[in-house]
């Protein structure tokens, strides 16, 4: 199996697609203007105590104060508090962390008013983004995540991922990390560290230790509060940290800055693999070029087709996800109904495992497969589903088919659920149901080009249109595109884009920045 990562960086959002054997298996899209702050560490001030909730509100620089519960202060809060005061007491020389004193653990039955005071400075890390009217959620237990290891300051033990089953390997990793970890630090060994050499683990441990030391230096040298002392990596790099493996053949990025960021990270964790990061500079949109757009359009929505006319119906209720398997207009097998049902169900198991990762469907999932009478067929389907789910990073549990033909699956959500709406308000009529005659659509485009060139002064631009419209514009020896170039200059470029509706269009300048030229009045 080969894996490829395609990163589409646009002016307003960044989208990341993971392809396995050219099939889309994971997809994330996020707005660039939004600051993603989970993992960021601050030195901040307590703003308000809430004895009734046994919690407090902390100012970390957001519009709304962050929430910190007493139980989230962490066992080593007393040690952090004393060391923070030692760091701030000397602005010239950093008090060595290795010499920091470990104080008794915080009592679990204590109260926030006896532990904190208004105006007190605390070291905190964001564990949950601000949602709606709520501010971020904080913890006092700091951690620095790497690809193989997680460093926990003031931790006192080495833990190994439960997904590493070999007792011999677990003992080797624990002994190895104990021999190289710095004093006053705990370490969690991640699943991907299995089989890694001491040099690789030691290199990453030193990198994580340096991040902690750099954060402490910021605390020591700055007096501004709240102060961001450690910032989590960008979305592309954070995804790579969890997903990157030697089977990656290519990582394509269409933005120079993100390309440099990703290449630097890959060079850091796998120097011999930095050549897989490639800058995409084609004129066709990057997702169109790698057939991602078409797969997004066909993979989301209520109905998902898979093979030979069979399809899934996926519904989300308040309590669970429900999936119905249908054979559709599939022609029946010569081997009879039982063989036909088994074939449809096995195909559904393949597609469902992909859909769970793609949509990040969490909680309880109930699947209604086509009824099968033979116990060996039901067992075969169960084993197929378990095998398909082995590649899923999220924790999950699968039960055999019940006597009603239902399969129950529980799955942990790795990231916030993403809803990609396949059905959209028509961009050419804005939901009114009436548009201008399509025969004069190109005249409308030419008027936009004339305004862009002669009134706004943009001489070089890219007009993105539906592939059918692009074919019409380029038709013939003296095509419409050639006529536009003769009239308005060679800076006129027409690009086919699969993400656009039939009569939708988008203008981009020479720096690929979006130019809004569409007006609702033009559709009346």
Protein backbone atom coordinates (compact mmCIF):
# COMPACT_ATOMS: atom_id res chain seq x y z
CA UNK A 1 0.00 0.00 0.00
CA UNK A 2 1.25 3.47 -0.90
CA UNK A 3 0.25 6.65 0.90
CA UNK A 4 0.25 10.21 -0.40
CA UNK A 5 -0.61 13.46 1.32
CA UNK A 6 -2.07 16.35 -0.68
CA UNK A 7 -2.19 19.76 1.04
CA UNK A 8 -4.30 22.48 -0.61
CA UNK A 9 -3.50 25.91 0.82
CA UNK A 10 -6.01 28.61 -0.14
CA UNK A 11 -6.39 32.22 0.92
CA UNK A 12 -9.09 31.45 3.50
CA UNK A 13 -8.62 27.76 4.34
CA UNK A 14 -6.23 24.84 4.30
CA UNK A 15 -7.37 21.35 3.27
CA UNK A 16 -5.44 18.13 3.81
CA UNK A 17 -6.22 14.84 2.02
CA UNK A 18 -4.62 11.47 2.79
CA UNK A 19 -4.69 9.01 -0.11
CA UNK A 20 -4.01 5.27 0.23
CA UNK A 21 -3.51 3.59 -3.15
CA UNK A 22 -5.02 6.77 -4.71
CA UNK A 23 -8.23 6.42 -2.60
CA UNK A 24 -9.22 9.20 -0.21
CA UNK A 25 -9.24 7.87 3.38
CA UNK A 26 -8.84 10.99 5.54
CA UNK A 27 -9.79 14.59 4.87
CA UNK A 28 -9.54 17.74 6.95
CA UNK A 29 -10.35 21.31 6.07
CA UNK A 30 -9.96 24.28 8.39
CA UNK A 31 -10.26 28.04 8.14
CA UNK A 32 -6.86 29.75 8.15
CA UNK A 33 -8.14 32.87 9.90
CA UNK A 34 -9.06 30.83 12.99
CA UNK A 35 -6.26 30.39 15.49
CA UNK A 36 -6.03 26.77 16.58
CA UNK A 37 -4.67 26.80 20.07
CA UNK A 38 -4.91 23.27 21.55
CA UNK A 39 -1.46 22.42 22.90
CA UNK A 40 -0.39 26.06 23.38
CA UNK A 41 1.21 26.83 26.76
CA UNK A 42 0.81 30.16 28.56
CA UNK A 43 1.99 31.83 31.71
CA UNK A 44 -1.22 33.59 32.73
CA UNK A 45 -3.01 35.24 35.63
CA UNK A 46 -5.95 33.94 37.64
CA UNK A 47 -8.83 36.34 36.97
CA UNK A 48 -11.66 35.04 39.14
CA UNK A 49 -12.21 32.22 41.66
CA UNK A 50 -15.44 30.17 41.57
CA UNK A 51 -15.61 28.25 44.90
CA UNK A 52 -19.03 26.79 44.05
CA UNK A 53 -17.56 25.10 40.95
CA UNK A 54 -14.19 24.48 42.64
CA UNK A 55 -12.66 26.17 39.59
CA UNK A 56 -11.34 29.50 38.38
CA UNK A 57 -11.21 31.66 35.25
CA UNK A 58 -7.80 32.48 33.83
CA UNK A 59 -6.86 35.26 31.39
CA UNK A 60 -4.86 33.74 28.51
CA UNK A 61 -5.52 36.58 26.07
CA UNK A 62 -8.73 35.25 24.46
CA UNK A 63 -11.95 37.20 24.13
CA UNK A 64 -13.41 35.06 26.93
CA UNK A 65 -11.47 33.91 29.98
CA UNK A 66 -10.37 30.27 30.05
CA UNK A 67 -11.79 27.73 32.49
CA UNK A 68 -9.53 25.78 34.88
CA UNK A 69 -10.99 23.23 37.30
CA UNK A 70 -9.19 22.36 40.54
CA UNK A 71 -8.81 18.70 39.46
CA UNK A 72 -7.18 19.87 36.21
CA UNK A 73 -4.37 21.66 38.07
CA UNK A 74 -2.49 18.35 38.05
CA UNK A 75 -0.75 16.35 40.75
CA UNK A 76 2.48 18.36 40.43
CA UNK A 77 0.95 21.85 40.65
CA UNK A 78 2.91 22.70 43.82
CA UNK A 79 6.18 21.82 42.07
CA UNK A 80 5.27 23.93 39.02
CA UNK A 81 4.25 26.87 41.21
CA UNK A 82 7.52 26.90 43.18
CA UNK A 83 9.68 26.48 40.08
CA UNK A 84 7.81 29.29 38.27
CA UNK A 85 8.68 31.66 41.12
CA UNK A 86 12.34 30.56 41.00
CA UNK A 87 12.50 31.20 37.23
CA UNK A 88 10.98 34.67 37.59
CA UNK A 89 13.23 35.64 40.51
CA UNK A 90 16.35 35.90 38.31
CA UNK A 91 15.99 37.63 34.93
CA UNK A 92 19.62 36.96 33.94
CA UNK A 93 20.29 33.31 34.71
CA UNK A 94 17.75 30.50 34.25
CA UNK A 95 17.35 28.27 37.29
CA UNK A 96 18.17 24.72 35.98
CA UNK A 97 15.11 22.51 35.71
CA UNK A 98 17.15 19.45 36.72
CA UNK A 99 17.65 21.09 40.13
CA UNK A 100 13.97 21.92 40.61
CA UNK A 101 12.50 20.51 43.81
CA UNK A 102 9.61 18.08 43.56
CA UNK A 103 7.01 18.96 46.21
CA UNK A 104 4.23 16.72 47.59
CA UNK A 105 1.35 16.05 45.19
CA UNK A 106 -1.76 18.25 45.22
CA UNK A 107 -4.57 16.81 47.36
CA UNK A 108 -7.49 15.54 45.30
CA UNK A 109 -10.03 16.69 47.90
CA UNK A 110 -8.64 20.24 48.15
CA UNK A 111 -10.37 23.48 47.15
CA UNK A 112 -9.45 26.12 44.61
CA UNK A 113 -9.70 29.04 47.07
CA UNK A 114 -7.09 27.45 49.35
CA UNK A 115 -4.73 26.77 46.42
CA UNK A 116 -4.99 29.81 44.14
CA UNK A 117 -5.53 33.53 44.59
CA UNK A 118 -6.70 36.25 42.20
CA UNK A 119 -3.74 37.68 40.29
CA UNK A 120 -1.56 34.59 40.85
CA UNK A 121 0.52 33.52 37.86
CA UNK A 122 0.16 29.93 36.66
CA UNK A 123 1.56 27.76 33.85
CA UNK A 124 -1.34 26.32 31.83
CA UNK A 125 -1.93 24.45 28.58
CA UNK A 126 -5.04 24.59 26.39
CA UNK A 127 -6.79 21.23 25.99
CA UNK A 128 -10.06 22.37 24.38
CA UNK A 129 -10.78 25.16 21.89
CA UNK A 130 -13.23 27.94 22.76
CA UNK A 131 -16.69 26.90 21.56
CA UNK A 132 -19.61 29.30 21.04
CA UNK A 133 -19.89 31.43 24.21
CA UNK A 134 -17.37 29.36 26.22
CA UNK A 135 -13.70 30.14 26.57
CA UNK A 136 -10.93 27.54 26.24
CA UNK A 137 -10.48 24.68 28.72
CA UNK A 138 -7.11 24.49 30.52
CA UNK A 139 -4.91 22.01 32.34
CA UNK A 140 -1.96 22.49 34.66
CA UNK A 141 -0.34 19.22 33.54
CA UNK A 142 1.95 20.32 30.72
CA UNK A 143 3.05 18.00 27.91
CA UNK A 144 5.16 18.31 24.75
CA UNK A 145 4.15 15.86 22.02
CA UNK A 146 6.57 14.53 19.45
CA UNK A 147 6.28 11.78 16.86
CA UNK A 148 7.62 8.99 19.06
CA UNK A 149 7.46 10.43 22.58
CA UNK A 150 5.50 12.79 24.82
CA UNK A 151 7.56 14.71 27.41
CA UNK A 152 5.85 15.51 30.74
CA UNK A 153 7.76 17.96 33.00
CA UNK A 154 7.69 16.94 36.68
CA UNK A 155 6.46 13.49 35.65
CA UNK A 156 8.01 10.55 37.48
CA UNK A 157 7.50 7.48 35.29
CA UNK A 158 7.81 6.06 31.77
CA UNK A 159 4.60 4.76 30.20
CA UNK A 160 4.36 2.71 26.98
CA UNK A 161 1.39 2.79 24.59
CA UNK A 162 -1.03 -0.08 25.22
CA UNK A 163 -1.13 -0.70 21.45
CA UNK A 164 2.42 -2.11 21.67
CA UNK A 165 1.52 -5.71 22.56
CA UNK A 166 4.96 -7.37 22.72
CA UNK A 167 6.10 -7.63 26.35
CA UNK A 168 9.73 -7.84 25.25
CA UNK A 169 9.44 -4.64 23.18
CA UNK A 170 7.63 -2.80 25.98
CA UNK A 171 10.40 -3.73 28.43
CA UNK A 172 13.10 -2.68 25.93
CA UNK A 173 11.50 0.74 25.34
CA UNK A 174 10.92 1.36 29.04
CA UNK A 175 14.52 0.47 29.93
CA UNK A 176 15.87 2.54 27.04
CA UNK A 177 13.88 5.68 27.91
CA UNK A 178 14.74 5.38 31.62
CA UNK A 179 18.42 5.46 30.68
CA UNK A 180 18.20 8.65 28.57
CA UNK A 181 15.36 10.74 30.01
CA UNK A 182 16.29 13.98 31.80
CA UNK A 183 15.78 14.37 35.54
CA UNK A 184 12.38 15.59 36.77
CA UNK A 185 10.64 14.46 33.56
CA UNK A 186 8.21 11.69 32.71
CA UNK A 187 7.80 10.22 29.21
CA UNK A 188 4.97 8.53 27.32
CA UNK A 189 6.17 6.25 24.51
CA UNK A 190 3.84 6.39 21.49
CA UNK A 191 2.86 3.43 19.31
CA UNK A 192 5.06 4.45 16.35
CA UNK A 193 8.17 4.16 18.57
CA UNK A 194 7.92 0.37 18.32
CA UNK A 195 11.17 -1.03 16.94
CA UNK A 196 12.94 2.36 16.82
CA UNK A 197 16.64 2.70 17.61
CA UNK A 198 17.95 4.56 20.65
CA UNK A 199 19.51 7.29 18.47
CA UNK A 200 16.10 8.27 16.98
CA UNK A 201 14.37 8.33 20.37
CA UNK A 202 17.23 10.21 22.04
CA UNK A 203 17.24 12.82 19.25
CA UNK A 204 13.52 13.50 19.68
CA UNK A 205 13.76 13.56 23.48
CA UNK A 206 16.46 16.24 23.23
CA UNK A 207 14.25 18.23 20.85
CA UNK A 208 11.26 18.09 23.24
CA UNK A 209 13.51 19.02 26.19
CA UNK A 210 14.78 22.03 24.25
CA UNK A 211 11.17 23.17 23.60
CA UNK A 212 10.53 23.07 27.35
CA UNK A 213 13.74 25.00 28.07
CA UNK A 214 12.90 27.61 25.39
CA UNK A 215 9.45 28.05 26.99
CA UNK A 216 11.08 28.62 30.40
CA UNK A 217 13.47 31.17 28.87
CA UNK A 218 10.45 33.14 27.57
CA UNK A 219 8.93 33.10 31.06
CA UNK A 220 12.20 34.36 32.54
CA UNK A 221 12.84 37.18 30.06
CA UNK A 222 9.33 38.60 29.56
CA UNK A 223 7.12 40.36 32.06
CA UNK A 224 4.04 40.66 29.87
CA UNK A 225 1.11 38.58 31.14
CA UNK A 226 -0.58 36.58 29.72
CA UNK A 227 2.36 35.36 27.65
CA UNK A 228 2.35 32.58 25.04
CA UNK A 229 5.50 30.58 25.78
CA UNK A 230 4.97 27.56 23.53
CA UNK A 231 2.91 27.36 20.34
CA UNK A 232 1.73 24.08 18.83
CA UNK A 233 2.78 23.36 15.25
CA UNK A 234 0.62 24.23 12.22
CA UNK A 235 -2.19 21.93 11.10
CA UNK A 236 -0.20 20.35 8.27
CA UNK A 237 2.74 19.56 10.54
CA UNK A 238 0.51 18.36 13.40
CA UNK A 239 -1.20 15.90 11.04
CA UNK A 240 2.17 14.72 9.75
CA UNK A 241 3.39 14.12 13.30
CA UNK A 242 0.60 11.60 13.86
CA UNK A 243 0.41 10.08 10.38
CA UNK A 244 3.86 10.12 8.78
CA UNK A 245 5.30 6.70 8.01
CA UNK A 246 7.93 5.32 5.63
CA UNK A 247 5.29 4.21 3.10
CA UNK A 248 4.63 7.84 2.12
CA UNK A 249 5.63 8.17 -1.51
CA UNK A 250 4.80 11.85 -1.92
CA UNK A 251 3.63 14.89 0.03
CA UNK A 252 2.34 17.56 -2.35
CA UNK A 253 1.91 21.18 -1.20
CA UNK A 254 0.80 24.12 -3.35
CA UNK A 255 2.09 26.91 -1.08
CA UNK A 256 5.77 27.82 -0.66
CA UNK A 257 5.57 28.74 3.06
CA UNK A 258 3.71 25.58 4.08
CA UNK A 259 6.03 23.56 1.81
CA UNK A 260 9.08 24.89 3.68
CA UNK A 261 7.40 24.20 7.04
CA UNK A 262 6.51 20.60 6.11
CA UNK A 263 9.90 19.87 4.53
CA UNK A 264 11.75 21.18 7.59
CA UNK A 265 9.68 18.94 9.85
CA UNK A 266 10.19 15.83 7.69
CA UNK A 267 13.92 16.57 7.54
CA UNK A 268 13.92 16.75 11.33
CA UNK A 269 12.18 13.42 11.98
CA UNK A 270 13.33 11.47 8.88
CA UNK A 271 16.26 13.19 7.08
CA UNK A 272 16.46 10.51 4.39
CA UNK A 273 12.78 11.10 3.44
CA UNK A 274 12.74 14.87 2.92
CA UNK A 275 12.70 14.30 -0.86
CA UNK A 276 9.07 13.08 -0.69
CA UNK A 277 7.89 16.66 0.02
CA UNK A 278 7.19 18.33 -3.32
CA UNK A 279 5.97 21.80 -4.25
CA UNK A 280 3.02 21.65 -6.66
CA UNK A 281 3.04 24.50 -9.17
CA UNK A 282 0.56 23.32 -11.82
CA UNK A 283 -2.22 25.59 -13.12
CA UNK A 284 -4.97 23.02 -12.50
CA UNK A 285 -6.18 23.12 -8.83
CA UNK A 286 -4.13 20.62 -6.80
CA UNK A 287 -7.16 18.60 -5.62
CA UNK A 288 -8.43 18.30 -9.20
CA UNK A 289 -5.02 17.13 -10.38
CA UNK A 290 -4.94 14.27 -7.85
CA UNK A 291 -8.64 13.36 -8.26
CA UNK A 292 -9.44 14.44 -4.68
CA UNK A 293 -12.32 16.81 -5.54
CA UNK A 294 -14.32 14.09 -7.29
CA UNK A 295 -13.80 11.69 -4.38
CA UNK A 296 -14.94 14.33 -1.86
CA UNK A 297 -18.12 14.97 -3.87
CA UNK A 298 -18.91 11.25 -4.10
CA UNK A 299 -17.87 10.20 -0.57
CA UNK A 300 -19.89 12.59 1.59
CA UNK A 301 -23.64 13.01 1.86
CA UNK A 302 -26.44 10.70 2.92
CA UNK A 303 -26.00 8.15 0.09
CA UNK A 304 -22.62 6.60 -0.73
CA UNK A 305 -22.26 4.31 -3.74
CA UNK A 306 -19.54 1.68 -3.74
CA UNK A 307 -19.51 -1.21 -6.25
CA UNK A 308 -21.85 -2.73 -8.85
CA UNK A 309 -24.78 -0.48 -7.94
CA UNK A 310 -24.74 -1.23 -4.18
CA UNK A 311 -24.84 1.74 -1.78
CA UNK A 312 -24.85 2.82 1.88
CA UNK A 313 -27.37 5.11 3.57
CA UNK A 314 -25.66 6.96 6.46
CA UNK A 315 -27.82 8.80 8.99
CA UNK A 316 -26.74 10.64 12.14
CA UNK A 317 -29.17 10.80 15.06
CA UNK A 318 -28.80 12.39 18.49
CA UNK A 319 -27.59 9.15 20.07
CA UNK A 320 -25.77 7.24 17.31
CA UNK A 321 -24.89 6.79 13.65
CA UNK A 322 -27.04 4.40 11.63
CA UNK A 323 -25.81 2.76 8.41
CA UNK A 324 -28.07 0.77 6.07
CA UNK A 325 -26.58 -1.52 3.41
CA UNK A 326 -28.52 -1.81 0.12
CA UNK A 327 -27.78 -3.97 -2.93
CA UNK A 328 -29.46 -1.39 -5.21
CA UNK A 329 -29.85 -2.31 -8.89
CA UNK A 330 -27.03 -4.85 -8.66
CA UNK A 331 -27.54 -7.94 -10.82
CA UNK A 332 -27.89 -11.09 -8.75
CA UNK A 333 -25.09 -13.65 -8.62
CA UNK A 334 -25.44 -16.98 -10.36
CA UNK A 335 -24.51 -18.62 -7.05
CA UNK A 336 -27.76 -17.55 -5.42
CA UNK A 337 -29.04 -15.00 -2.93
CA UNK A 338 -26.68 -16.00 -0.09
CA UNK A 339 -23.54 -15.47 -2.22
CA UNK A 340 -24.94 -12.19 -3.52
CA UNK A 341 -25.66 -10.95 0.03
CA UNK A 342 -22.16 -11.92 1.19
CA UNK A 343 -20.51 -10.11 -1.72
CA UNK A 344 -22.54 -6.92 -1.11
CA UNK A 345 -21.83 -7.04 2.64
CA UNK A 346 -18.08 -7.56 2.20
CA UNK A 347 -17.96 -4.56 -0.15
CA UNK A 348 -19.96 -2.56 2.41
CA UNK A 349 -17.45 -3.50 5.14
CA UNK A 350 -14.59 -2.17 2.98
CA UNK A 351 -16.36 1.11 2.26
CA UNK A 352 -17.67 1.57 5.81
CA UNK A 353 -14.18 1.28 7.34
CA UNK A 354 -13.08 4.05 4.96
CA UNK A 355 -16.12 6.20 5.78
CA UNK A 356 -15.51 5.95 9.54
CA UNK A 357 -12.01 7.45 9.10
CA UNK A 358 -13.08 9.93 6.43
CA UNK A 359 -16.00 11.41 8.39
CA UNK A 360 -14.50 10.66 11.83
CA UNK A 361 -17.76 9.07 12.93
CA UNK A 362 -17.53 8.63 16.71
CA UNK A 363 -19.66 7.09 19.46
CA UNK A 364 -22.01 4.21 18.62
CA UNK A 365 -22.39 3.08 15.00
CA UNK A 366 -25.09 0.52 14.16
CA UNK A 367 -24.86 -1.17 10.74
CA UNK A 368 -27.80 -3.03 9.18
CA UNK A 369 -26.21 -5.53 6.78
CA UNK A 370 -28.19 -7.65 4.34
CA UNK A 371 -29.40 -10.80 6.11
CA UNK A 372 -27.21 -13.90 5.74
CA UNK A 373 -28.28 -17.36 6.89
CA UNK A 374 -24.93 -19.15 7.09
CA UNK A 375 -22.94 -18.71 10.32
CA UNK A 376 -19.62 -18.99 8.44
CA UNK A 377 -20.63 -16.07 6.19
CA UNK A 378 -21.49 -13.91 9.20
CA UNK A 379 -18.13 -14.79 10.80
CA UNK A 380 -16.33 -13.98 7.54
CA UNK A 381 -17.98 -10.54 7.45
CA UNK A 382 -17.02 -9.86 11.08
CA UNK A 383 -13.37 -10.82 10.42
CA UNK A 384 -13.31 -8.63 7.28
CA UNK A 385 -14.56 -5.64 9.26
CA UNK A 386 -11.97 -6.19 12.02
CA UNK A 387 -9.17 -6.44 9.44
CA UNK A 388 -10.29 -3.24 7.68
CA UNK A 389 -10.38 -1.32 10.96
CA UNK A 390 -6.79 -2.24 11.89
CA UNK A 391 -5.55 0.85 9.99
CA UNK A 392 -7.81 3.15 12.03
CA UNK A 393 -5.85 5.19 14.60
CA UNK A 394 -8.94 5.76 16.77
CA UNK A 395 -9.72 3.26 19.53
CA UNK A 396 -12.66 1.09 18.53
CA UNK A 397 -14.58 -2.03 19.44
CA UNK A 398 -16.54 -4.24 17.04
CA UNK A 399 -19.19 -6.80 18.03
CA UNK A 400 -20.19 -9.81 15.85
CA UNK A 401 -23.50 -9.64 14.00
CA UNK A 402 -26.55 -10.00 16.22
CA UNK A 403 -29.39 -12.37 15.34
CA UNK A 404 -31.11 -9.42 13.65
CA UNK A 405 -28.15 -8.94 11.29
CA UNK A 406 -26.93 -5.77 13.04
CA UNK A 407 -23.28 -4.98 13.73
CA UNK A 408 -22.47 -2.60 16.59
CA UNK A 409 -19.27 -0.55 16.55
CA UNK A 410 -17.98 1.95 19.09
CA UNK A 411 -15.27 4.37 17.95
CA UNK A 412 -13.35 7.14 19.64
CA UNK A 413 -13.41 10.51 17.90
CA UNK A 414 -9.85 11.59 17.00
CA UNK A 415 -10.76 15.18 16.07
CA UNK A 416 -13.88 17.37 15.95
CA UNK A 417 -16.50 15.94 13.58
CA UNK A 418 -16.32 17.42 10.11
CA UNK A 419 -19.47 17.86 8.05
CA UNK A 420 -18.87 18.38 4.34
CA UNK A 421 -22.10 19.49 2.71
CA UNK A 422 -22.36 17.96 -0.76
CA UNK A 423 -25.64 19.72 -1.54
CA UNK A 424 -25.26 23.51 -1.65
CA UNK A 425 -27.34 26.55 -2.50
CA UNK A 426 -27.04 27.11 -6.23
CA UNK A 427 -24.21 29.65 -6.71
CA UNK A 428 -25.67 30.92 -9.98
CA UNK A 429 -29.25 31.63 -8.86
CA UNK A 430 -28.65 32.01 -5.09
CA UNK A 431 -31.57 29.66 -4.34
CA UNK A 432 -34.14 31.60 -6.40
CA UNK A 433 -34.47 28.91 -9.06
CA UNK A 434 -34.10 31.33 -11.98
CA UNK A 435 -30.96 32.25 -13.91
CA UNK A 436 -30.12 34.09 -17.11
CA UNK A 437 -30.10 32.07 -20.30
CA UNK A 438 -26.97 29.89 -20.33
CA UNK A 439 -26.28 30.89 -23.95
CA UNK A 440 -25.33 34.41 -22.81
CA UNK A 441 -23.19 33.15 -19.91
CA UNK A 442 -19.97 33.73 -21.87
CA UNK A 443 -21.09 37.30 -22.65
CA UNK A 444 -21.49 37.82 -18.90
CA UNK A 445 -17.97 36.46 -18.35
CA UNK A 446 -16.54 38.79 -21.00
CA UNK A 447 -18.13 41.81 -19.34
CA UNK A 448 -16.45 40.78 -16.08
CA UNK A 449 -13.10 40.43 -17.88
CA UNK A 450 -13.53 43.87 -19.49
CA UNK A 451 -14.26 45.43 -16.10
CA UNK A 452 -11.33 43.62 -14.50
CA UNK A 453 -8.82 44.71 -17.18
CA UNK A 454 -10.00 48.17 -18.16
CA UNK A 455 -11.54 49.54 -14.94
CA UNK A 456 -9.83 47.70 -12.07
CA UNK A 457 -6.50 47.38 -13.89
CA UNK A 458 -5.83 43.66 -13.33
CA UNK A 459 -4.00 42.58 -16.50
CA UNK A 460 -3.04 39.02 -15.47
CA UNK A 461 -5.65 36.77 -13.91
CA UNK A 462 -6.97 33.17 -13.82
CA UNK A 463 -10.63 32.47 -14.57
CA UNK A 464 -11.75 29.16 -13.01
CA UNK A 465 -14.82 27.58 -14.63
CA UNK A 466 -16.52 24.19 -14.82
CA UNK A 467 -14.63 21.73 -17.11
CA UNK A 468 -17.58 21.68 -19.60
CA UNK A 469 -17.53 25.49 -19.84
CA UNK A 470 -13.73 25.38 -20.23
CA UNK A 471 -14.13 22.96 -23.16
CA UNK A 472 -16.63 25.34 -24.80
CA UNK A 473 -14.38 28.39 -24.30
CA UNK A 474 -11.40 26.53 -25.86
CA UNK A 475 -13.40 25.08 -28.77
CA UNK A 476 -12.12 25.66 -32.30
CA UNK A 477 -8.98 27.16 -33.85
CA UNK A 478 -10.10 30.72 -33.13
CA UNK A 479 -11.57 29.90 -29.75
CA UNK A 480 -13.37 32.26 -27.41
CA UNK A 481 -10.31 32.22 -25.14
CA UNK A 482 -8.05 33.26 -28.06
CA UNK A 483 -10.43 36.12 -28.93
CA UNK A 484 -10.33 37.32 -25.29
CA UNK A 485 -6.53 37.21 -25.31
CA UNK A 486 -6.40 39.20 -28.57
CA UNK A 487 -8.76 41.81 -27.08
CA UNK A 488 -7.63 41.96 -23.43
CA UNK A 489 -4.05 40.65 -23.54
CA UNK A 490 -2.21 37.38 -22.96
CA UNK A 491 -2.76 37.72 -19.20
CA UNK A 492 -6.17 36.01 -19.61
CA UNK A 493 -5.94 32.38 -18.39
CA UNK A 494 -8.90 29.96 -18.24
CA UNK A 495 -8.57 27.01 -15.81
CA UNK A 496 -11.01 24.05 -15.48
CA UNK A 497 -12.04 23.37 -11.86
CA UNK A 498 -14.09 20.34 -10.81
CA UNK A 499 -15.25 21.91 -7.55
CA UNK A 500 -17.34 24.54 -9.36
CA UNK A 501 -20.99 24.19 -10.41
CA UNK A 502 -21.92 24.32 -14.10
CA UNK A 503 -22.40 28.10 -14.36
CA UNK A 504 -20.18 29.10 -11.46
CA UNK A 505 -16.92 30.97 -11.95
CA UNK A 506 -14.09 32.40 -9.84
CA UNK A 507 -11.39 34.96 -10.62
CA UNK A 508 -7.87 34.83 -9.11
CA UNK A 509 -5.05 37.34 -9.59
CA UNK A 510 -1.43 36.53 -10.53
CA UNK A 511 -0.66 35.72 -6.87
CA UNK A 512 -3.63 33.31 -6.77
CA UNK A 513 -5.61 35.61 -4.48
CA UNK A 514 -9.40 35.39 -4.92
CA UNK A 515 -11.13 38.34 -6.63
CA UNK A 516 -14.84 38.62 -5.87
CA UNK A 517 -16.52 39.55 -9.17
CA UNK A 518 -19.91 37.87 -8.68
CA UNK A 519 -23.00 39.89 -7.84
CA UNK A 520 -26.40 38.49 -6.95
CA UNK A 521 -28.14 41.04 -9.16
CA UNK A 522 -26.62 39.50 -12.28
CA UNK A 523 -28.80 36.39 -11.91
CA UNK A 524 -32.10 38.23 -11.93
